[in-house]
């Protein structure tokens, strides 16, 4: 089972993606976040193999956030 986390500021899209991923064989959505700042705290706890991240997030953009993830955990390497 591949663990996936989602970082998306649009709540409806975030929920849809989580449901779609969890309904797909061999994938499980282990958590969602509405901002990069929230993801910095939660993603290391979720321990996903894949992070699906919007690059146009309010506050910290998804691109710089990816660099921070790479330094903090094995995600995004």
PDB file of N, CA and C in Angstrom:
ATOM      1  N   UNK A   1       0.852  -1.182   0.000  1.00  0.00           N
ATOM      2  CA  UNK A   1       0.000   0.000   0.000  1.00  0.00           C
ATOM      3  C   UNK A   1       0.894   1.240   0.000  1.00  0.00           C
ATOM      4  N   UNK A   2       0.702   2.120  -0.963  1.00  0.00           N
ATOM      5  CA  UNK A   2       1.462   3.366  -1.038  1.00  0.00           C
ATOM      6  C   UNK A   2       0.722   4.454  -0.267  1.00  0.00           C
ATOM      7  N   UNK A   3       1.402   5.031   0.711  1.00  0.00           N
ATOM      8  CA  UNK A   3       0.812   6.094   1.525  1.00  0.00           C
ATOM      9  C   UNK A   3       0.997   7.441   0.837  1.00  0.00           C
ATOM     10  N   UNK A   4      -0.114   8.194   0.723  1.00  0.00           N
ATOM     11  CA  UNK A   4      -0.112   9.490   0.056  1.00  0.00           C
ATOM     12  C   UNK A   4      -0.664  10.547   1.005  1.00  0.00           C
ATOM     13  N   UNK A   5      -0.031  11.711   1.030  1.00  0.00           N
ATOM     14  CA  UNK A   5      -0.544  12.866   1.766  1.00  0.00           C
ATOM     15  C   UNK A   5      -0.835  13.973   0.756  1.00  0.00           C
ATOM     16  N   UNK A   6      -1.834  14.789   1.061  1.00  0.00           N
ATOM     17  CA  UNK A   6      -2.263  15.853   0.150  1.00  0.00           C
ATOM     18  C   UNK A   6      -2.128  17.200   0.842  1.00  0.00           C
ATOM     19  N   UNK A   7      -1.561  18.172   0.113  1.00  0.00           N
ATOM     20  CA  UNK A   7      -1.491  19.554   0.591  1.00  0.00           C
ATOM     21  C   UNK A   7      -2.202  20.405  -0.465  1.00  0.00           C
ATOM     22  N   UNK A   8      -3.390  20.866  -0.127  1.00  0.00           N
ATOM     23  CA  UNK A   8      -4.245  21.609  -1.069  1.00  0.00           C
ATOM     24  C   UNK A   8      -5.106  22.569  -0.265  1.00  0.00           C
ATOM     25  N   UNK A   9      -5.144  23.848  -0.665  1.00  0.00           N
ATOM     26  CA  UNK A   9      -5.906  24.833   0.091  1.00  0.00           C
ATOM     27  C   UNK A   9      -7.403  24.829  -0.217  1.00  0.00           C
ATOM     28  N   UNK A  10      -7.810  24.278  -1.343  1.00  0.00           N
ATOM     29  CA  UNK A  10      -9.232  24.207  -1.687  1.00  0.00           C
ATOM     30  C   UNK A  10      -9.840  22.988  -0.997  1.00  0.00           C
ATOM     31  N   UNK A  11     -10.708  23.191   0.011  1.00  0.00           N
ATOM     32  CA  UNK A  11     -11.216  22.058   0.794  1.00  0.00           C
ATOM     33  C   UNK A  11     -11.986  21.024  -0.019  1.00  0.00           C
ATOM     34  N   UNK A  12     -12.758  21.468  -1.004  1.00  0.00           N
ATOM     35  CA  UNK A  12     -13.528  20.507  -1.809  1.00  0.00           C
ATOM     36  C   UNK A  12     -12.593  19.656  -2.662  1.00  0.00           C
ATOM     37  N   UNK A  13     -11.605  20.284  -3.278  1.00  0.00           N
ATOM     38  CA  UNK A  13     -10.644  19.540  -4.091  1.00  0.00           C
ATOM     39  C   UNK A  13      -9.813  18.615  -3.213  1.00  0.00           C
ATOM     40  N   UNK A  14      -9.405  19.095  -2.042  1.00  0.00           N
ATOM     41  CA  UNK A  14      -8.636  18.284  -1.098  1.00  0.00           C
ATOM     42  C   UNK A  14      -9.415  17.022  -0.720  1.00  0.00           C
ATOM     43  N   UNK A  15     -10.693  17.167  -0.395  1.00  0.00           N
ATOM     44  CA  UNK A  15     -11.523  16.017  -0.023  1.00  0.00           C
ATOM     45  C   UNK A  15     -11.702  15.070  -1.206  1.00  0.00           C
ATOM     46  N   UNK A  16     -11.956  15.618  -2.390  1.00  0.00           N
ATOM     47  CA  UNK A  16     -12.136  14.790  -3.582  1.00  0.00           C
ATOM     48  C   UNK A  16     -10.873  13.964  -3.856  1.00  0.00           C
ATOM     49  N   UNK A  17      -9.716  14.616  -3.807  1.00  0.00           N
ATOM     50  CA  UNK A  17      -8.461  13.901  -4.062  1.00  0.00           C
ATOM     51  C   UNK A  17      -8.215  12.810  -3.024  1.00  0.00           C
ATOM     52  N   UNK A  18      -8.506  13.104  -1.768  1.00  0.00           N
ATOM     53  CA  UNK A  18      -8.326  12.109  -0.700  1.00  0.00           C
ATOM     54  C   UNK A  18      -9.212  10.896  -0.951  1.00  0.00           C
ATOM     55  N   UNK A  19     -10.465  11.132  -1.315  1.00  0.00           N
ATOM     56  CA  UNK A  19     -11.391  10.030  -1.586  1.00  0.00           C
ATOM     57  C   UNK A  19     -10.959   9.242  -2.815  1.00  0.00           C
ATOM     58  N   UNK A  20     -10.539   9.948  -3.849  1.00  0.00           N
ATOM     59  CA  UNK A  20     -10.103   9.292  -5.086  1.00  0.00           C
ATOM     60  C   UNK A  20      -8.877   8.420  -4.835  1.00  0.00           C
ATOM     61  N   UNK A  21      -7.910   8.943  -4.123  1.00  0.00           N
ATOM     62  CA  UNK A  21      -6.692   8.180  -3.835  1.00  0.00           C
ATOM     63  C   UNK A  21      -7.007   6.967  -2.970  1.00  0.00           C
ATOM     64  N   UNK A  22      -7.805   7.149  -1.931  1.00  0.00           N
ATOM     65  CA  UNK A  22      -8.140   6.026  -1.044  1.00  0.00           C
ATOM     66  C   UNK A  22      -8.974   4.959  -1.746  1.00  0.00           C
ATOM     67  N   UNK A  23      -9.717   5.340  -2.777  1.00  0.00           N
ATOM     68  CA  UNK A  23     -10.541   4.387  -3.523  1.00  0.00           C
ATOM     69  C   UNK A  23      -9.747   3.652  -4.599  1.00  0.00           C
ATOM     70  N   UNK A  24      -8.506   4.064  -4.802  1.00  0.00           N
ATOM     71  CA  UNK A  24      -7.660   3.455  -5.823  1.00  0.00           C
ATOM     72  C   UNK A  24      -6.854   2.313  -5.209  1.00  0.00           C
ATOM     73  N   UNK A  25      -6.859   1.188  -5.889  1.00  0.00           N
ATOM     74  CA  UNK A  25      -6.131   0.014  -5.380  1.00  0.00           C
ATOM     75  C   UNK A  25      -4.672   0.344  -5.128  1.00  0.00           C
ATOM     76  N   UNK A  26      -4.151  -0.149  -4.030  1.00  0.00           N
ATOM     77  CA  UNK A  26      -2.751  -0.015  -3.639  1.00  0.00           C
ATOM     78  C   UNK A  26      -2.338   1.386  -3.184  1.00  0.00           C
ATOM     79  N   UNK A  27      -3.298   2.299  -2.977  1.00  0.00           N
ATOM     80  CA  UNK A  27      -2.994   3.641  -2.487  1.00  0.00           C
ATOM     81  C   UNK A  27      -3.883   3.955  -1.286  1.00  0.00           C
ATOM     82  N   UNK A  28      -3.323   4.706  -0.339  1.00  0.00           N
ATOM     83  CA  UNK A  28      -4.082   5.120   0.832  1.00  0.00           C
ATOM     84  C   UNK A  28      -3.726   6.557   1.163  1.00  0.00           C
ATOM     85  N   UNK A  29      -4.718   7.419   1.260  1.00  0.00           N
ATOM     86  CA  UNK A  29      -4.490   8.798   1.675  1.00  0.00           C
ATOM     87  C   UNK A  29      -4.394   8.796   3.196  1.00  0.00           C
ATOM     88  N   UNK A  30      -3.190   9.077   3.699  1.00  0.00           N
ATOM     89  CA  UNK A  30      -2.952   9.005   5.140  1.00  0.00           C
ATOM     90  C   UNK A  30      -3.192  10.336   5.854  1.00  0.00           C
ATOM     91  N   UNK A  31      -3.374  11.402   5.084  1.00  0.00           N
ATOM     92  CA  UNK A  31      -3.661  12.687   5.707  1.00  0.00           C
ATOM     93  C   UNK A  31      -3.701  13.816   4.698  1.00  0.00           C
ATOM     94  N   UNK A  32      -4.348  14.902   5.109  1.00  0.00           N
ATOM     95  CA  UNK A  32      -4.448  16.077   4.258  1.00  0.00           C
ATOM     96  C   UNK A  32      -4.113  17.325   5.064  1.00  0.00           C
ATOM     97  N   UNK A  33      -3.664  18.357   4.358  1.00  0.00           N
ATOM     98  CA  UNK A  33      -3.337  19.640   4.968  1.00  0.00           C
ATOM     99  C   UNK A  33      -3.828  20.750   4.051  1.00  0.00           C
ATOM    100  N   UNK A  34      -4.213  21.872   4.651  1.00  0.00           N
ATOM    101  CA  UNK A  34      -4.715  23.001   3.879  1.00  0.00           C
ATOM    102  C   UNK A  34      -3.689  24.065   3.575  1.00  0.00           C
ATOM    103  N   UNK A  35      -2.472  23.927   4.122  1.00  0.00           N
ATOM    104  CA  UNK A  35      -1.426  24.919   3.877  1.00  0.00           C
ATOM    105  C   UNK A  35      -0.058  24.264   4.032  1.00  0.00           C
ATOM    106  N   UNK A  36       0.954  24.933   3.494  1.00  0.00           N
ATOM    107  CA  UNK A  36       2.315  24.420   3.639  1.00  0.00           C
ATOM    108  C   UNK A  36       2.747  24.455   5.093  1.00  0.00           C
ATOM    109  N   UNK A  37       2.317  25.488   5.810  1.00  0.00           N
ATOM    110  CA  UNK A  37       2.677  25.607   7.220  1.00  0.00           C
ATOM    111  C   UNK A  37       2.105  24.443   8.027  1.00  0.00           C
ATOM    112  N   UNK A  38       0.864  24.084   7.767  1.00  0.00           N
ATOM    113  CA  UNK A  38       0.241  22.941   8.432  1.00  0.00           C
ATOM    114  C   UNK A  38       0.962  21.650   8.048  1.00  0.00           C
ATOM    115  N   UNK A  39       1.320  21.554   6.778  1.00  0.00           N
ATOM    116  CA  UNK A  39       2.003  20.357   6.285  1.00  0.00           C
ATOM    117  C   UNK A  39       3.367  20.169   6.944  1.00  0.00           C
ATOM    118  N   UNK A  40       4.064  21.257   7.250  1.00  0.00           N
ATOM    119  CA  UNK A  40       5.382  21.160   7.891  1.00  0.00           C
ATOM    120  C   UNK A  40       5.281  20.411   9.216  1.00  0.00           C
ATOM    121  N   UNK A  41       4.163  20.572   9.895  1.00  0.00           N
ATOM    122  CA  UNK A  41       3.950  19.909  11.182  1.00  0.00           C
ATOM    123  C   UNK A  41       3.430  18.483  10.997  1.00  0.00           C
ATOM    124  N   UNK A  42       2.469  18.308  10.104  1.00  0.00           N
ATOM    125  CA  UNK A  42       1.760  17.035  10.006  1.00  0.00           C
ATOM    126  C   UNK A  42       2.415  15.985   9.102  1.00  0.00           C
ATOM    127  N   UNK A  43       3.013  16.397   8.000  1.00  0.00           N
ATOM    128  CA  UNK A  43       3.545  15.433   7.030  1.00  0.00           C
ATOM    129  C   UNK A  43       4.567  14.477   7.666  1.00  0.00           C
ATOM    130  N   UNK A  44       5.518  14.967   8.471  1.00  0.00           N
ATOM    131  CA  UNK A  44       6.447  14.005   9.086  1.00  0.00           C
ATOM    132  C   UNK A  44       5.748  12.957   9.953  1.00  0.00           C
ATOM    133  N   UNK A  45       4.633  13.318  10.558  1.00  0.00           N
ATOM    134  CA  UNK A  45       3.876  12.371  11.385  1.00  0.00           C
ATOM    135  C   UNK A  45       3.132  11.351  10.520  1.00  0.00           C
ATOM    136  N   UNK A  46       2.650  11.784   9.342  1.00  0.00           N
ATOM    137  CA  UNK A  46       1.924  10.879   8.446  1.00  0.00           C
ATOM    138  C   UNK A  46       2.856   9.847   7.808  1.00  0.00           C
ATOM    139  N   UNK A  47       4.114  10.199   7.604  1.00  0.00           N
ATOM    140  CA  UNK A  47       5.113   9.340   6.966  1.00  0.00           C
ATOM    141  C   UNK A  47       4.651   8.786   5.615  1.00  0.00           C
ATOM    142  N   UNK A  48       4.234   9.675   4.700  1.00  0.00           N
ATOM    143  CA  UNK A  48       3.795   9.204   3.384  1.00  0.00           C
ATOM    144  C   UNK A  48       4.984   8.884   2.487  1.00  0.00           C
ATOM    145  N   UNK A  49       4.744   8.064   1.491  1.00  0.00           N
ATOM    146  CA  UNK A  49       5.740   7.799   0.456  1.00  0.00           C
ATOM    147  C   UNK A  49       5.658   8.871  -0.627  1.00  0.00           C
ATOM    148  N   UNK A  50       4.462   9.484  -0.766  1.00  0.00           N
ATOM    149  CA  UNK A  50       4.207  10.487  -1.802  1.00  0.00           C
ATOM    150  C   UNK A  50       3.448  11.656  -1.177  1.00  0.00           C
ATOM    151  N   UNK A  51       3.839  12.876  -1.560  1.00  0.00           N
ATOM    152  CA  UNK A  51       3.092  14.065  -1.159  1.00  0.00           C
ATOM    153  C   UNK A  51       2.599  14.744  -2.431  1.00  0.00           C
ATOM    154  N   UNK A  52       1.284  14.893  -2.544  1.00  0.00           N
ATOM    155  CA  UNK A  52       0.670  15.596  -3.663  1.00  0.00           C
ATOM    156  C   UNK A  52       0.412  17.016  -3.170  1.00  0.00           C
ATOM    157  N   UNK A  53       1.177  18.001  -3.711  1.00  0.00           N
ATOM    158  CA  UNK A  53       1.122  19.350  -3.173  1.00  0.00           C
ATOM    159  C   UNK A  53       0.818  20.383  -4.253  1.00  0.00           C
ATOM    160  N   UNK A  54      -0.157  21.216  -3.940  1.00  0.00           N
ATOM    161  CA  UNK A  54      -0.478  22.376  -4.770  1.00  0.00           C
ATOM    162  C   UNK A  54       0.717  23.322  -4.698  1.00  0.00           C
ATOM    163  N   UNK A  55       1.138  23.911  -5.827  1.00  0.00           N
ATOM    164  CA  UNK A  55       2.257  24.841  -5.769  1.00  0.00           C
ATOM    165  C   UNK A  55       1.797  26.278  -5.552  1.00  0.00           C
ATOM    166  N   UNK A  56       0.496  26.542  -5.674  1.00  0.00           N
ATOM    167  CA  UNK A  56      -0.038  27.893  -5.470  1.00  0.00           C
ATOM    168  C   UNK A  56      -0.830  27.941  -4.166  1.00  0.00           C
ATOM    169  N   UNK A  57      -0.125  27.791  -3.056  1.00  0.00           N
ATOM    170  CA  UNK A  57      -0.768  27.811  -1.749  1.00  0.00           C
ATOM    171  C   UNK A  57      -0.693  29.220  -1.159  1.00  0.00           C
ATOM    172  N   UNK A  58      -1.664  29.577  -0.318  1.00  0.00           N
ATOM    173  CA  UNK A  58      -1.551  30.855   0.383  1.00  0.00           C
ATOM    174  C   UNK A  58      -0.407  30.767   1.397  1.00  0.00           C
ATOM    175  N   UNK A  59       0.211  31.876   1.694  1.00  0.00           N
ATOM    176  CA  UNK A  59       1.347  31.842   2.611  1.00  0.00           C
ATOM    177  C   UNK A  59       2.548  31.249   1.902  1.00  0.00           C
ATOM    178  N   UNK A  60       3.133  30.240   2.485  1.00  0.00           N
ATOM    179  CA  UNK A  60       4.294  29.569   1.896  1.00  0.00           C
ATOM    180  C   UNK A  60       3.862  28.764   0.674  1.00  0.00           C
ATOM    181  N   UNK A  61       4.504  29.009  -0.442  1.00  0.00           N
ATOM    182  CA  UNK A  61       4.203  28.301  -1.691  1.00  0.00           C
ATOM    183  C   UNK A  61       4.671  26.852  -1.609  1.00  0.00           C
ATOM    184  N   UNK A  62       4.119  26.014  -2.447  1.00  0.00           N
ATOM    185  CA  UNK A  62       4.485  24.604  -2.464  1.00  0.00           C
ATOM    186  C   UNK A  62       5.911  24.334  -2.902  1.00  0.00           C
ATOM    187  N   UNK A  63       6.493  25.221  -3.710  1.00  0.00           N
ATOM    188  CA  UNK A  63       7.854  24.995  -4.202  1.00  0.00           C
ATOM    189  C   UNK A  63       8.889  25.158  -3.083  1.00  0.00           C
ATOM    190  N   UNK A  64       8.901  26.282  -2.347  1.00  0.00           N
ATOM    191  CA  UNK A  64       9.838  26.368  -1.223  1.00  0.00           C
ATOM    192  C   UNK A  64       9.540  25.307  -0.146  1.00  0.00           C
ATOM    193  N   UNK A  65       8.278  24.986   0.043  1.00  0.00           N
ATOM    194  CA  UNK A  65       7.914  23.982   1.045  1.00  0.00           C
ATOM    195  C   UNK A  65       8.537  22.634   0.705  1.00  0.00           C
ATOM    196  N   UNK A  66       8.606  22.312  -0.550  1.00  0.00           N
ATOM    197  CA  UNK A  66       9.212  21.050  -0.986  1.00  0.00           C
ATOM    198  C   UNK A  66      10.668  20.975  -0.545  1.00  0.00           C
ATOM    199  N   UNK A  67      11.380  22.089  -0.647  1.00  0.00           N
ATOM    200  CA  UNK A  67      12.784  22.117  -0.237  1.00  0.00           C
ATOM    201  C   UNK A  67      12.915  21.890   1.273  1.00  0.00           C
ATOM    202  N   UNK A  68      11.997  22.466   2.034  1.00  0.00           N
ATOM    203  CA  UNK A  68      12.020  22.294   3.487  1.00  0.00           C
ATOM    204  C   UNK A  68      11.724  20.837   3.845  1.00  0.00           C
ATOM    205  N   UNK A  69      10.736  20.231   3.166  1.00  0.00           N
ATOM    206  CA  UNK A  69      10.441  18.817   3.400  1.00  0.00           C
ATOM    207  C   UNK A  69      11.665  17.944   3.147  1.00  0.00           C
ATOM    208  N   UNK A  70      12.365  18.232   2.075  1.00  0.00           N
ATOM    209  CA  UNK A  70      13.533  17.435   1.717  1.00  0.00           C
ATOM    210  C   UNK A  70      14.583  17.467   2.819  1.00  0.00           C
ATOM    211  N   UNK A  71      14.683  18.583   3.527  1.00  0.00           N
ATOM    212  CA  UNK A  71      15.652  18.696   4.615  1.00  0.00           C
ATOM    213  C   UNK A  71      15.163  18.000   5.883  1.00  0.00           C
ATOM    214  N   UNK A  72      13.852  18.000   6.125  1.00  0.00           N
ATOM    215  CA  UNK A  72      13.304  17.497   7.378  1.00  0.00           C
ATOM    216  C   UNK A  72      12.978  16.006   7.389  1.00  0.00           C
ATOM    217  N   UNK A  73      12.653  15.453   6.240  1.00  0.00           N
ATOM    218  CA  UNK A  73      12.277  14.042   6.210  1.00  0.00           C
ATOM    219  C   UNK A  73      12.575  13.446   4.850  1.00  0.00           C
ATOM    220  N   UNK A  74      12.382  12.149   4.723  1.00  0.00           N
ATOM    221  CA  UNK A  74      12.699  11.468   3.468  1.00  0.00           C
ATOM    222  C   UNK A  74      11.712  11.785   2.356  1.00  0.00           C
ATOM    223  N   UNK A  75      10.582  12.403   2.666  1.00  0.00           N
ATOM    224  CA  UNK A  75       9.598  12.787   1.660  1.00  0.00           C
ATOM    225  C   UNK A  75      10.221  13.818   0.729  1.00  0.00           C
ATOM    226  N   UNK A  76       9.933  13.759  -0.540  1.00  0.00           N
ATOM    227  CA  UNK A  76      10.358  14.729  -1.559  1.00  0.00           C
ATOM    228  C   UNK A  76      11.824  14.601  -1.919  1.00  0.00           C
ATOM    229  N   UNK A  77      12.425  13.489  -1.684  1.00  0.00           N
ATOM    230  CA  UNK A  77      13.829  13.326  -2.084  1.00  0.00           C
ATOM    231  C   UNK A  77      13.925  12.575  -3.362  1.00  0.00           C
TER     232      UNK A  77
END
